[in-house]
């Protein structure tokens, strides 16, 4: 591949903004990536900042899903256990507690599976 701006010179890399081949004369290093010198440097810098923010946000989202997983799981187990323990005494109300517990366990499972997407 040759440089987009100097067709006879071999390219050393691609501009992160426009994906054009760049020679060492046309390439500018911005945040450890290449950009067209005096053309796309600011845009590439903004793109790198956005990427870093997205990675940080992804970690935060995963953390929230894991907290939800823990909370829903514990409360769901408590509801199912209480319903099972009181089944003879409360009857249909105990079944309602167990149904709510199963629903919370389902919510815990879905939060866990969603958290796995953000590794």
C-alpha atoms as a PDB file:
ATOM      1  CA  UNK A   1       0.000   0.000   0.000  1.00  0.00           C
ATOM      2  CA  UNK A   2       1.244   3.474  -0.837  1.00  0.00           C
ATOM      3  CA  UNK A   3       0.642   6.827   0.785  1.00  0.00           C
ATOM      4  CA  UNK A   4      -2.637   8.483  -0.219  1.00  0.00           C
ATOM      5  CA  UNK A   5      -0.985  11.895  -0.520  1.00  0.00           C
ATOM      6  CA  UNK A   6       2.304  10.652  -2.066  1.00  0.00           C
ATOM      7  CA  UNK A   7       1.354   7.738  -4.361  1.00  0.00           C
ATOM      8  CA  UNK A   8       4.971   6.702  -4.988  1.00  0.00           C
ATOM      9  CA  UNK A   9       5.920   6.429  -1.300  1.00  0.00           C
ATOM     10  CA  UNK A  10       5.111   3.298   0.719  1.00  0.00           C
ATOM     11  CA  UNK A  11       2.657   3.768   3.581  1.00  0.00           C
ATOM     12  CA  UNK A  12       3.702   3.118   7.179  1.00  0.00           C
ATOM     13  CA  UNK A  13       0.160   2.955   8.563  1.00  0.00           C
ATOM     14  CA  UNK A  14      -3.434   4.089   8.289  1.00  0.00           C
ATOM     15  CA  UNK A  15      -5.086   7.243   9.554  1.00  0.00           C
ATOM     16  CA  UNK A  16      -7.531   6.311  12.320  1.00  0.00           C
ATOM     17  CA  UNK A  17      -9.991   8.951  11.078  1.00  0.00           C
ATOM     18  CA  UNK A  18     -10.122   8.339   7.319  1.00  0.00           C
ATOM     19  CA  UNK A  19      -8.341   4.951   6.985  1.00  0.00           C
ATOM     20  CA  UNK A  20      -6.047   6.265   4.252  1.00  0.00           C
ATOM     21  CA  UNK A  21      -2.500   4.995   3.907  1.00  0.00           C
ATOM     22  CA  UNK A  22       0.133   7.432   5.202  1.00  0.00           C
ATOM     23  CA  UNK A  23       3.875   7.689   4.679  1.00  0.00           C
ATOM     24  CA  UNK A  24       6.144   8.812   7.512  1.00  0.00           C
ATOM     25  CA  UNK A  25       6.062  12.369   6.140  1.00  0.00           C
ATOM     26  CA  UNK A  26       2.244  12.591   6.224  1.00  0.00           C
ATOM     27  CA  UNK A  27       1.642  10.688   9.472  1.00  0.00           C
ATOM     28  CA  UNK A  28       1.269  12.323  12.864  1.00  0.00           C
ATOM     29  CA  UNK A  29       1.224  10.250  16.039  1.00  0.00           C
ATOM     30  CA  UNK A  30      -1.719  11.226  18.236  1.00  0.00           C
ATOM     31  CA  UNK A  31      -2.294   9.258  21.442  1.00  0.00           C
ATOM     32  CA  UNK A  32      -0.311   6.269  20.086  1.00  0.00           C
ATOM     33  CA  UNK A  33      -2.282   6.096  16.809  1.00  0.00           C
ATOM     34  CA  UNK A  34      -1.721   7.629  13.401  1.00  0.00           C
ATOM     35  CA  UNK A  35      -3.580  10.556  11.884  1.00  0.00           C
ATOM     36  CA  UNK A  36      -3.197  12.648   8.743  1.00  0.00           C
ATOM     37  CA  UNK A  37      -0.789  15.439   9.669  1.00  0.00           C
ATOM     38  CA  UNK A  38      -2.493  18.858   9.869  1.00  0.00           C
ATOM     39  CA  UNK A  39      -5.837  17.327   8.832  1.00  0.00           C
ATOM     40  CA  UNK A  40      -7.293  14.801  11.277  1.00  0.00           C
ATOM     41  CA  UNK A  41      -5.189  15.147  14.416  1.00  0.00           C
ATOM     42  CA  UNK A  42      -7.907  16.807  16.488  1.00  0.00           C
ATOM     43  CA  UNK A  43     -10.584  14.361  15.326  1.00  0.00           C
ATOM     44  CA  UNK A  44      -8.405  11.359  16.182  1.00  0.00           C
ATOM     45  CA  UNK A  45      -7.620  12.812  19.611  1.00  0.00           C
ATOM     46  CA  UNK A  46     -11.356  13.250  20.313  1.00  0.00           C
ATOM     47  CA  UNK A  47     -12.001   9.700  19.104  1.00  0.00           C
ATOM     48  CA  UNK A  48      -9.349   8.327  21.485  1.00  0.00           C
ATOM     49  CA  UNK A  49     -10.877  10.250  24.407  1.00  0.00           C
ATOM     50  CA  UNK A  50     -14.316   8.899  23.521  1.00  0.00           C
ATOM     51  CA  UNK A  51     -12.970   5.350  23.346  1.00  0.00           C
ATOM     52  CA  UNK A  52     -11.331   5.681  26.772  1.00  0.00           C
ATOM     53  CA  UNK A  53     -14.574   7.016  28.264  1.00  0.00           C
ATOM     54  CA  UNK A  54     -16.556   4.156  26.749  1.00  0.00           C
ATOM     55  CA  UNK A  55     -14.188   1.597  28.264  1.00  0.00           C
ATOM     56  CA  UNK A  56     -14.510   3.221  31.684  1.00  0.00           C
ATOM     57  CA  UNK A  57     -18.304   3.360  31.389  1.00  0.00           C
ATOM     58  CA  UNK A  58     -18.372  -0.299  30.389  1.00  0.00           C
ATOM     59  CA  UNK A  59     -16.568  -1.214  33.611  1.00  0.00           C
ATOM     60  CA  UNK A  60     -19.039   0.837  35.641  1.00  0.00           C
ATOM     61  CA  UNK A  61     -22.042  -0.763  33.956  1.00  0.00           C
ATOM     62  CA  UNK A  62     -20.651  -4.241  34.641  1.00  0.00           C
ATOM     63  CA  UNK A  63     -20.184  -3.339  38.292  1.00  0.00           C
ATOM     64  CA  UNK A  64     -23.809  -2.210  38.599  1.00  0.00           C
ATOM     65  CA  UNK A  65     -25.101  -5.399  36.989  1.00  0.00           C
ATOM     66  CA  UNK A  66     -23.010  -7.491  39.390  1.00  0.00           C
ATOM     67  CA  UNK A  67     -24.372  -5.567  42.391  1.00  0.00           C
ATOM     68  CA  UNK A  68     -27.910  -6.134  41.126  1.00  0.00           C
ATOM     69  CA  UNK A  69     -27.120  -9.818  40.630  1.00  0.00           C
ATOM     70  CA  UNK A  70     -25.951 -10.142  44.237  1.00  0.00           C
ATOM     71  CA  UNK A  71     -28.889  -8.249  45.703  1.00  0.00           C
ATOM     72  CA  UNK A  72     -31.600  -9.964  43.659  1.00  0.00           C
ATOM     73  CA  UNK A  73     -30.010 -13.350  44.257  1.00  0.00           C
ATOM     74  CA  UNK A  74     -29.871 -12.957  48.034  1.00  0.00           C
ATOM     75  CA  UNK A  75     -33.385 -11.554  48.319  1.00  0.00           C
ATOM     76  CA  UNK A  76     -34.709 -14.214  45.934  1.00  0.00           C
ATOM     77  CA  UNK A  77     -33.157 -17.014  47.986  1.00  0.00           C
ATOM     78  CA  UNK A  78     -34.591 -15.448  51.157  1.00  0.00           C
ATOM     79  CA  UNK A  79     -38.094 -15.265  49.653  1.00  0.00           C
ATOM     80  CA  UNK A  80     -37.997 -18.839  48.343  1.00  0.00           C
ATOM     81  CA  UNK A  81     -36.601 -20.101  51.661  1.00  0.00           C
ATOM     82  CA  UNK A  82     -39.186 -18.236  53.713  1.00  0.00           C
ATOM     83  CA  UNK A  83     -41.999 -19.441  51.480  1.00  0.00           C
ATOM     84  CA  UNK A  84     -40.799 -23.038  51.684  1.00  0.00           C
ATOM     85  CA  UNK A  85     -40.370 -22.805  55.464  1.00  0.00           C
ATOM     86  CA  UNK A  86     -43.856 -21.341  55.978  1.00  0.00           C
ATOM     87  CA  UNK A  87     -45.659 -23.432  53.354  1.00  0.00           C
ATOM     88  CA  UNK A  88     -47.693 -25.431  55.877  1.00  0.00           C
ATOM     89  CA  UNK A  89     -48.605 -22.408  57.967  1.00  0.00           C
ATOM     90  CA  UNK A  90     -49.312 -19.742  55.300  1.00  0.00           C
ATOM     91  CA  UNK A  91     -50.481 -21.924  52.420  1.00  0.00           C
ATOM     92  CA  UNK A  92     -51.188 -19.818  49.329  1.00  0.00           C
ATOM     93  CA  UNK A  93     -49.354 -16.795  50.735  1.00  0.00           C
ATOM     94  CA  UNK A  94     -46.212 -18.905  51.084  1.00  0.00           C
ATOM     95  CA  UNK A  95     -46.568 -19.918  47.431  1.00  0.00           C
ATOM     96  CA  UNK A  96     -46.708 -16.212  46.573  1.00  0.00           C
ATOM     97  CA  UNK A  97     -43.472 -15.637  48.479  1.00  0.00           C
ATOM     98  CA  UNK A  98     -41.845 -18.497  46.594  1.00  0.00           C
ATOM     99  CA  UNK A  99     -43.103 -17.161  43.248  1.00  0.00           C
ATOM    100  CA  UNK A 100     -41.659 -13.720  44.044  1.00  0.00           C
ATOM    101  CA  UNK A 101     -38.405 -15.394  45.042  1.00  0.00           C
ATOM    102  CA  UNK A 102     -38.246 -17.292  41.761  1.00  0.00           C
ATOM    103  CA  UNK A 103     -38.876 -14.063  39.887  1.00  0.00           C
ATOM    104  CA  UNK A 104     -36.039 -12.357  41.791  1.00  0.00           C
ATOM    105  CA  UNK A 105     -33.737 -15.280  41.035  1.00  0.00           C
ATOM    106  CA  UNK A 106     -34.637 -14.903  37.361  1.00  0.00           C
ATOM    107  CA  UNK A 107     -33.803 -11.170  37.614  1.00  0.00           C
ATOM    108  CA  UNK A 108     -30.486 -12.087  39.245  1.00  0.00           C
ATOM    109  CA  UNK A 109     -29.683 -14.493  36.415  1.00  0.00           C
ATOM    110  CA  UNK A 110     -30.485 -11.929  33.721  1.00  0.00           C
ATOM    111  CA  UNK A 111     -28.313  -9.314  35.472  1.00  0.00           C
ATOM    112  CA  UNK A 112     -25.447 -11.810  35.681  1.00  0.00           C
ATOM    113  CA  UNK A 113     -25.724 -12.688  31.992  1.00  0.00           C
ATOM    114  CA  UNK A 114     -25.856  -8.991  31.089  1.00  0.00           C
ATOM    115  CA  UNK A 115     -22.749  -8.306  33.206  1.00  0.00           C
ATOM    116  CA  UNK A 116     -20.841 -10.966  31.274  1.00  0.00           C
ATOM    117  CA  UNK A 117     -21.311  -8.916  28.092  1.00  0.00           C
ATOM    118  CA  UNK A 118     -19.229  -6.085  29.572  1.00  0.00           C
ATOM    119  CA  UNK A 119     -16.019  -7.962  30.352  1.00  0.00           C
END
